[in-house]
């Protein structure tokens, strides 16, 4: 993983992940510095909004592909 910052791109190396109370904690290193990411329940709406966009695009794409496959198969059976 990489983290972009004002001082440049730094590699983030995850080392441990654990549950801490009602949060998820990811410990690792960002370049030479120890780093920690904590995700709490209050972060879930923002994460859901971010994840919803690619999920929606994927669902629309899959639906389109499946529709085209059905249309193609249906056209073959009617010929």
PDB file of N, CA and C in Angstrom:
ATOM      1  N   UNK A   1       0.846  -1.173   0.000  1.00  0.00           N
ATOM      2  CA  UNK A   1       0.000   0.000   0.000  1.00  0.00           C
ATOM      3  C   UNK A   1       0.883   1.225   0.000  1.00  0.00           C
ATOM      4  N   UNK A   2       0.327   2.289  -0.556  1.00  0.00           N
ATOM      5  CA  UNK A   2       1.064   3.554  -0.538  1.00  0.00           C
ATOM      6  C   UNK A   2       0.174   4.645   0.045  1.00  0.00           C
ATOM      7  N   UNK A   3       0.793   5.535   0.755  1.00  0.00           N
ATOM      8  CA  UNK A   3       0.111   6.695   1.327  1.00  0.00           C
ATOM      9  C   UNK A   3       0.707   7.928   0.673  1.00  0.00           C
ATOM     10  N   UNK A   4      -0.149   8.742   0.067  1.00  0.00           N
ATOM     11  CA  UNK A   4       0.312  10.003  -0.518  1.00  0.00           C
ATOM     12  C   UNK A   4       0.235  11.083   0.551  1.00  0.00           C
ATOM     13  N   UNK A   5       1.281  11.879   0.639  1.00  0.00           N
ATOM     14  CA  UNK A   5       1.317  12.956   1.624  1.00  0.00           C
ATOM     15  C   UNK A   5       2.081  14.133   1.027  1.00  0.00           C
ATOM     16  N   UNK A   6       2.076  15.261   1.721  1.00  0.00           N
ATOM     17  CA  UNK A   6       2.830  16.410   1.214  1.00  0.00           C
ATOM     18  C   UNK A   6       4.325  16.139   1.040  1.00  0.00           C
ATOM     19  N   UNK A   7       4.860  15.152   1.751  1.00  0.00           N
ATOM     20  CA  UNK A   7       6.285  14.860   1.611  1.00  0.00           C
ATOM     21  C   UNK A   7       6.558  13.753   0.587  1.00  0.00           C
ATOM     22  N   UNK A   8       5.518  13.320  -0.102  1.00  0.00           N
ATOM     23  CA  UNK A   8       5.680  12.305  -1.142  1.00  0.00           C
ATOM     24  C   UNK A   8       4.883  11.047  -0.847  1.00  0.00           C
ATOM     25  N   UNK A   9       5.088  10.038  -1.674  1.00  0.00           N
ATOM     26  CA  UNK A   9       4.419   8.760  -1.470  1.00  0.00           C
ATOM     27  C   UNK A   9       5.279   7.877  -0.574  1.00  0.00           C
ATOM     28  N   UNK A  10       4.651   7.345   0.454  1.00  0.00           N
ATOM     29  CA  UNK A  10       5.352   6.469   1.383  1.00  0.00           C
ATOM     30  C   UNK A  10       4.676   5.101   1.378  1.00  0.00           C
ATOM     31  N   UNK A  11       5.467   4.047   1.444  1.00  0.00           N
ATOM     32  CA  UNK A  11       4.847   2.731   1.542  1.00  0.00           C
ATOM     33  C   UNK A  11       4.238   2.551   2.921  1.00  0.00           C
ATOM     34  N   UNK A  12       3.073   1.934   2.976  1.00  0.00           N
ATOM     35  CA  UNK A  12       2.474   1.571   4.254  1.00  0.00           C
ATOM     36  C   UNK A  12       2.505   0.053   4.323  1.00  0.00           C
ATOM     37  N   UNK A  13       3.172  -0.464   5.333  1.00  0.00           N
ATOM     38  CA  UNK A  13       3.281  -1.901   5.513  1.00  0.00           C
ATOM     39  C   UNK A  13       2.444  -2.313   6.712  1.00  0.00           C
ATOM     40  N   UNK A  14       1.276  -2.936   6.464  1.00  0.00           N
ATOM     41  CA  UNK A  14       0.467  -3.388   7.593  1.00  0.00           C
ATOM     42  C   UNK A  14       1.157  -4.543   8.310  1.00  0.00           C
ATOM     43  N   UNK A  15       1.091  -4.509   9.626  1.00  0.00           N
ATOM     44  CA  UNK A  15       1.745  -5.572  10.417  1.00  0.00           C
ATOM     45  C   UNK A  15       0.754  -6.363  11.255  1.00  0.00           C
ATOM     46  N   UNK A  16      -0.208  -5.682  11.854  1.00  0.00           N
ATOM     47  CA  UNK A  16      -1.229  -6.381  12.645  1.00  0.00           C
ATOM     48  C   UNK A  16      -2.575  -5.713  12.451  1.00  0.00           C
ATOM     49  N   UNK A  17      -3.617  -6.495  12.614  1.00  0.00           N
ATOM     50  CA  UNK A  17      -4.977  -5.965  12.618  1.00  0.00           C
ATOM     51  C   UNK A  17      -5.688  -6.630  13.787  1.00  0.00           C
ATOM     52  N   UNK A  18      -6.441  -5.833  14.543  1.00  0.00           N
ATOM     53  CA  UNK A  18      -7.109  -6.386  15.710  1.00  0.00           C
ATOM     54  C   UNK A  18      -8.352  -5.581  16.058  1.00  0.00           C
ATOM     55  N   UNK A  19      -9.237  -6.242  16.780  1.00  0.00           N
ATOM     56  CA  UNK A  19     -10.410  -5.565  17.312  1.00  0.00           C
ATOM     57  C   UNK A  19     -10.032  -4.943  18.637  1.00  0.00           C
ATOM     58  N   UNK A  20     -10.390  -3.699  18.819  1.00  0.00           N
ATOM     59  CA  UNK A  20     -10.144  -2.988  20.079  1.00  0.00           C
ATOM     60  C   UNK A  20     -11.455  -2.363  20.500  1.00  0.00           C
ATOM     61  N   UNK A  21     -12.126  -2.992  21.429  1.00  0.00           N
ATOM     62  CA  UNK A  21     -13.437  -2.485  21.833  1.00  0.00           C
ATOM     63  C   UNK A  21     -14.385  -2.581  20.654  1.00  0.00           C
ATOM     64  N   UNK A  22     -14.918  -1.445  20.236  1.00  0.00           N
ATOM     65  CA  UNK A  22     -15.822  -1.443  19.085  1.00  0.00           C
ATOM     66  C   UNK A  22     -15.141  -0.889  17.836  1.00  0.00           C
ATOM     67  N   UNK A  23     -13.818  -0.943  17.778  1.00  0.00           N
ATOM     68  CA  UNK A  23     -13.101  -0.433  16.615  1.00  0.00           C
ATOM     69  C   UNK A  23     -12.149  -1.497  16.058  1.00  0.00           C
ATOM     70  N   UNK A  24     -11.714  -1.260  14.838  1.00  0.00           N
ATOM     71  CA  UNK A  24     -10.711  -2.099  14.198  1.00  0.00           C
ATOM     72  C   UNK A  24      -9.438  -1.281  14.142  1.00  0.00           C
ATOM     73  N   UNK A  25      -8.341  -1.858  14.590  1.00  0.00           N
ATOM     74  CA  UNK A  25      -7.059  -1.145  14.593  1.00  0.00           C
ATOM     75  C   UNK A  25      -6.079  -1.869  13.692  1.00  0.00           C
ATOM     76  N   UNK A  26      -5.497  -1.125  12.779  1.00  0.00           N
ATOM     77  CA  UNK A  26      -4.472  -1.644  11.872  1.00  0.00           C
ATOM     78  C   UNK A  26      -3.160  -0.962  12.233  1.00  0.00           C
ATOM     79  N   UNK A  27      -2.188  -1.743  12.671  1.00  0.00           N
ATOM     80  CA  UNK A  27      -0.865  -1.213  13.012  1.00  0.00           C
ATOM     81  C   UNK A  27       0.107  -1.563  11.905  1.00  0.00           C
ATOM     82  N   UNK A  28       1.001  -0.656  11.618  1.00  0.00           N
ATOM     83  CA  UNK A  28       1.996  -0.910  10.592  1.00  0.00           C
ATOM     84  C   UNK A  28       3.071   0.146  10.608  1.00  0.00           C
ATOM     85  N   UNK A  29       3.718   0.288   9.480  1.00  0.00           N
ATOM     86  CA  UNK A  29       4.763   1.297   9.346  1.00  0.00           C
ATOM     87  C   UNK A  29       4.547   2.049   8.044  1.00  0.00           C
ATOM     88  N   UNK A  30       4.718   3.350   8.116  1.00  0.00           N
ATOM     89  CA  UNK A  30       4.636   4.214   6.943  1.00  0.00           C
ATOM     90  C   UNK A  30       6.034   4.784   6.742  1.00  0.00           C
ATOM     91  N   UNK A  31       6.730   4.189   5.806  1.00  0.00           N
ATOM     92  CA  UNK A  31       8.126   4.559   5.654  1.00  0.00           C
ATOM     93  C   UNK A  31       8.877   4.126   6.901  1.00  0.00           C
ATOM     94  N   UNK A  32       9.570   5.052   7.523  1.00  0.00           N
ATOM     95  CA  UNK A  32      10.351   4.737   8.722  1.00  0.00           C
ATOM     96  C   UNK A  32       9.555   4.918  10.011  1.00  0.00           C
ATOM     97  N   UNK A  33       8.307   5.421   9.907  1.00  0.00           N
ATOM     98  CA  UNK A  33       7.530   5.752  11.096  1.00  0.00           C
ATOM     99  C   UNK A  33       6.451   4.721  11.381  1.00  0.00           C
ATOM    100  N   UNK A  34       6.244   4.430  12.666  1.00  0.00           N
ATOM    101  CA  UNK A  34       5.110   3.575  13.020  1.00  0.00           C
ATOM    102  C   UNK A  34       3.816   4.325  12.689  1.00  0.00           C
ATOM    103  N   UNK A  35       2.818   3.592  12.251  1.00  0.00           N
ATOM    104  CA  UNK A  35       1.542   4.216  11.888  1.00  0.00           C
ATOM    105  C   UNK A  35       0.405   3.331  12.373  1.00  0.00           C
ATOM    106  N   UNK A  36      -0.730   3.967  12.604  1.00  0.00           N
ATOM    107  CA  UNK A  36      -1.888   3.249  13.111  1.00  0.00           C
ATOM    108  C   UNK A  36      -3.136   3.814  12.448  1.00  0.00           C
ATOM    109  N   UNK A  37      -3.998   2.924  11.996  1.00  0.00           N
ATOM    110  CA  UNK A  37      -5.291   3.316  11.438  1.00  0.00           C
ATOM    111  C   UNK A  37      -6.349   2.710  12.343  1.00  0.00           C
ATOM    112  N   UNK A  38      -7.274   3.524  12.811  1.00  0.00           N
ATOM    113  CA  UNK A  38      -8.360   3.048  13.652  1.00  0.00           C
ATOM    114  C   UNK A  38      -9.679   3.365  12.965  1.00  0.00           C
ATOM    115  N   UNK A  39     -10.505   2.342  12.800  1.00  0.00           N
ATOM    116  CA  UNK A  39     -11.819   2.500  12.168  1.00  0.00           C
ATOM    117  C   UNK A  39     -12.865   2.242  13.244  1.00  0.00           C
ATOM    118  N   UNK A  40     -13.702   3.240  13.482  1.00  0.00           N
ATOM    119  CA  UNK A  40     -14.747   3.129  14.493  1.00  0.00           C
ATOM    120  C   UNK A  40     -16.113   3.077  13.808  1.00  0.00           C
ATOM    121  N   UNK A  41     -17.155   2.722  14.545  1.00  0.00           N
ATOM    122  CA  UNK A  41     -18.496   2.697  13.950  1.00  0.00           C
ATOM    123  C   UNK A  41     -18.895   4.033  13.296  1.00  0.00           C
ATOM    124  N   UNK A  42     -18.409   5.136  13.833  1.00  0.00           N
ATOM    125  CA  UNK A  42     -18.757   6.438  13.244  1.00  0.00           C
ATOM    126  C   UNK A  42     -18.122   6.626  11.863  1.00  0.00           C
ATOM    127  N   UNK A  43     -17.106   5.818  11.527  1.00  0.00           N
ATOM    128  CA  UNK A  43     -16.482   5.883  10.201  1.00  0.00           C
ATOM    129  C   UNK A  43     -17.268   5.102   9.148  1.00  0.00           C
ATOM    130  N   UNK A  44     -18.165   4.215   9.571  1.00  0.00           N
ATOM    131  CA  UNK A  44     -18.852   3.335   8.635  1.00  0.00           C
ATOM    132  C   UNK A  44     -19.677   4.060   7.573  1.00  0.00           C
ATOM    133  N   UNK A  45     -20.425   5.127   7.906  1.00  0.00           N
ATOM    134  CA  UNK A  45     -21.157   5.811   6.835  1.00  0.00           C
ATOM    135  C   UNK A  45     -20.235   6.349   5.734  1.00  0.00           C
ATOM    136  N   UNK A  46     -19.115   6.917   6.109  1.00  0.00           N
ATOM    137  CA  UNK A  46     -18.174   7.436   5.104  1.00  0.00           C
ATOM    138  C   UNK A  46     -17.587   6.291   4.282  1.00  0.00           C
ATOM    139  N   UNK A  47     -17.220   5.188   4.928  1.00  0.00           N
ATOM    140  CA  UNK A  47     -16.694   4.035   4.202  1.00  0.00           C
ATOM    141  C   UNK A  47     -17.762   3.443   3.278  1.00  0.00           C
ATOM    142  N   UNK A  48     -19.007   3.410   3.740  1.00  0.00           N
ATOM    143  CA  UNK A  48     -20.095   2.882   2.903  1.00  0.00           C
ATOM    144  C   UNK A  48     -20.292   3.752   1.671  1.00  0.00           C
ATOM    145  N   UNK A  49     -20.210   5.079   1.835  1.00  0.00           N
ATOM    146  CA  UNK A  49     -20.356   5.975   0.672  1.00  0.00           C
ATOM    147  C   UNK A  49     -19.238   5.745  -0.336  1.00  0.00           C
ATOM    148  N   UNK A  50     -18.021   5.577   0.157  1.00  0.00           N
ATOM    149  CA  UNK A  50     -16.879   5.345  -0.735  1.00  0.00           C
ATOM    150  C   UNK A  50     -17.025   3.994  -1.439  1.00  0.00           C
ATOM    151  N   UNK A  51     -17.423   2.959  -0.696  1.00  0.00           N
ATOM    152  CA  UNK A  51     -17.560   1.615  -1.275  1.00  0.00           C
ATOM    153  C   UNK A  51     -18.780   1.506  -2.174  1.00  0.00           C
ATOM    154  N   UNK A  52     -19.798   2.334  -1.946  1.00  0.00           N
ATOM    155  CA  UNK A  52     -21.036   2.239  -2.725  1.00  0.00           C
ATOM    156  C   UNK A  52     -20.811   2.599  -4.186  1.00  0.00           C
ATOM    157  N   UNK A  53     -19.968   3.558  -4.456  1.00  0.00           N
ATOM    158  CA  UNK A  53     -19.752   3.971  -5.853  1.00  0.00           C
ATOM    159  C   UNK A  53     -19.217   2.837  -6.715  1.00  0.00           C
ATOM    160  N   UNK A  54     -18.089   2.196  -6.339  1.00  0.00           N
ATOM    161  CA  UNK A  54     -17.621   1.088  -7.184  1.00  0.00           C
ATOM    162  C   UNK A  54     -18.590  -0.086  -7.191  1.00  0.00           C
ATOM    163  N   UNK A  55     -19.287  -0.314  -6.070  1.00  0.00           N
ATOM    164  CA  UNK A  55     -20.248  -1.415  -6.026  1.00  0.00           C
ATOM    165  C   UNK A  55     -21.402  -1.144  -6.990  1.00  0.00           C
ATOM    166  N   UNK A  56     -21.862   0.098  -7.046  1.00  0.00           N
ATOM    167  CA  UNK A  56     -22.940   0.460  -7.956  1.00  0.00           C
ATOM    168  C   UNK A  56     -22.497   0.320  -9.408  1.00  0.00           C
ATOM    169  N   UNK A  57     -21.307   0.797  -9.719  1.00  0.00           N
ATOM    170  CA  UNK A  57     -20.779   0.675 -11.082  1.00  0.00           C
ATOM    171  C   UNK A  57     -20.645  -0.796 -11.452  1.00  0.00           C
ATOM    172  N   UNK A  58     -20.141  -1.615 -10.539  1.00  0.00           N
ATOM    173  CA  UNK A  58     -20.005  -3.047 -10.791  1.00  0.00           C
ATOM    174  C   UNK A  58     -21.351  -3.718 -11.003  1.00  0.00           C
ATOM    175  N   UNK A  59     -22.339  -3.357 -10.189  1.00  0.00           N
ATOM    176  CA  UNK A  59     -23.673  -3.952 -10.318  1.00  0.00           C
ATOM    177  C   UNK A  59     -24.315  -3.570 -11.649  1.00  0.00           C
ATOM    178  N   UNK A  60     -24.180  -2.309 -12.045  1.00  0.00           N
ATOM    179  CA  UNK A  60     -24.735  -1.876 -13.332  1.00  0.00           C
ATOM    180  C   UNK A  60     -24.024  -2.587 -14.479  1.00  0.00           C
ATOM    181  N   UNK A  61     -22.708  -2.705 -14.388  1.00  0.00           N
ATOM    182  CA  UNK A  61     -21.944  -3.398 -15.423  1.00  0.00           C
ATOM    183  C   UNK A  61     -22.336  -4.862 -15.523  1.00  0.00           C
ATOM    184  N   UNK A  62     -22.453  -5.540 -14.387  1.00  0.00           N
ATOM    185  CA  UNK A  62     -22.833  -6.943 -14.381  1.00  0.00           C
ATOM    186  C   UNK A  62     -24.234  -7.131 -14.932  1.00  0.00           C
ATOM    187  N   UNK A  63     -25.155  -6.268 -14.531  1.00  0.00           N
ATOM    188  CA  UNK A  63     -26.524  -6.346 -15.045  1.00  0.00           C
ATOM    189  C   UNK A  63     -26.545  -6.154 -16.550  1.00  0.00           C
ATOM    190  N   UNK A  64     -25.758  -5.221 -17.051  1.00  0.00           N
ATOM    191  CA  UNK A  64     -25.686  -4.973 -18.497  1.00  0.00           C
ATOM    192  C   UNK A  64     -25.144  -6.192 -19.231  1.00  0.00           C
ATOM    193  N   UNK A  65     -24.058  -6.759 -18.717  1.00  0.00           N
ATOM    194  CA  UNK A  65     -23.462  -7.941 -19.355  1.00  0.00           C
ATOM    195  C   UNK A  65     -24.449  -9.105 -19.343  1.00  0.00           C
ATOM    196  N   UNK A  66     -25.089  -9.354 -18.210  1.00  0.00           N
ATOM    197  CA  UNK A  66     -26.059 -10.446 -18.137  1.00  0.00           C
ATOM    198  C   UNK A  66     -27.238 -10.208 -19.077  1.00  0.00           C
ATOM    199  N   UNK A  67     -27.682  -8.974 -19.166  1.00  0.00           N
ATOM    200  CA  UNK A  67     -28.765  -8.637 -20.110  1.00  0.00           C
ATOM    201  C   UNK A  67     -28.351  -8.884 -21.550  1.00  0.00           C
ATOM    202  N   UNK A  68     -27.133  -8.509 -21.900  1.00  0.00           N
ATOM    203  CA  UNK A  68     -26.641  -8.744 -23.270  1.00  0.00           C
ATOM    204  C   UNK A  68     -26.517 -10.239 -23.558  1.00  0.00           C
ATOM    205  N   UNK A  69     -26.076 -11.012 -22.581  1.00  0.00           N
ATOM    206  CA  UNK A  69     -25.983 -12.466 -22.764  1.00  0.00           C
ATOM    207  C   UNK A  69     -27.367 -13.050 -22.992  1.00  0.00           C
ATOM    208  N   UNK A  70     -28.321 -12.643 -22.191  1.00  0.00           N
ATOM    209  CA  UNK A  70     -29.699 -13.120 -22.360  1.00  0.00           C
ATOM    210  C   UNK A  70     -30.254 -12.737 -23.718  1.00  0.00           C
ATOM    211  N   UNK A  71     -30.015 -11.494 -24.106  1.00  0.00           N
ATOM    212  CA  UNK A  71     -30.505 -11.014 -25.405  1.00  0.00           C
ATOM    213  C   UNK A  71     -29.894 -11.820 -26.535  1.00  0.00           C
ATOM    214  N   UNK A  72     -28.595 -12.099 -26.449  1.00  0.00           N
ATOM    215  CA  UNK A  72     -27.902 -12.876 -27.471  1.00  0.00           C
ATOM    216  C   UNK A  72     -28.448 -14.295 -27.522  1.00  0.00           C
ATOM    217  N   UNK A  73     -28.642 -14.920 -26.396  1.00  0.00           N
ATOM    218  CA  UNK A  73     -29.175 -16.290 -26.354  1.00  0.00           C
ATOM    219  C   UNK A  73     -30.609 -16.315 -26.872  1.00  0.00           C
ATOM    220  N   UNK A  74     -31.380 -15.334 -26.501  1.00  0.00           N
ATOM    221  CA  UNK A  74     -32.789 -15.274 -26.939  1.00  0.00           C
ATOM    222  C   UNK A  74     -32.857 -15.083 -28.450  1.00  0.00           C
ATOM    223  N   UNK A  75     -31.958 -14.274 -29.010  1.00  0.00           N
ATOM    224  CA  UNK A  75     -31.931 -14.053 -30.458  1.00  0.00           C
ATOM    225  C   UNK A  75     -31.557 -15.335 -31.192  1.00  0.00           C
ATOM    226  N   UNK A  76     -30.674 -16.118 -30.647  1.00  0.00           N
ATOM    227  CA  UNK A  76     -30.256 -17.381 -31.274  1.00  0.00           C
ATOM    228  C   UNK A  76     -31.402 -18.381 -31.290  1.00  0.00           C
ATOM    229  N   UNK A  77     -32.200 -18.418 -30.228  1.00  0.00           N
ATOM    230  CA  UNK A  77     -33.295 -19.390 -30.139  1.00  0.00           C
ATOM    231  C   UNK A  77     -34.449 -19.031 -31.058  1.00  0.00           C
ATOM    232  N   UNK A  78     -34.599 -17.783 -31.423  1.00  0.00           N
ATOM    233  CA  UNK A  78     -35.690 -17.355 -32.285  1.00  0.00           C
ATOM    234  C   UNK A  78     -35.348 -17.406 -33.753  1.00  0.00           C
ATOM    235  N   UNK A  79     -34.117 -17.757 -34.088  1.00  0.00           N
ATOM    236  CA  UNK A  79     -33.720 -17.793 -35.511  1.00  0.00           C
ATOM    237  C   UNK A  79     -34.012 -19.129 -36.123  1.00  0.00           C
TER     238      UNK A  79
END
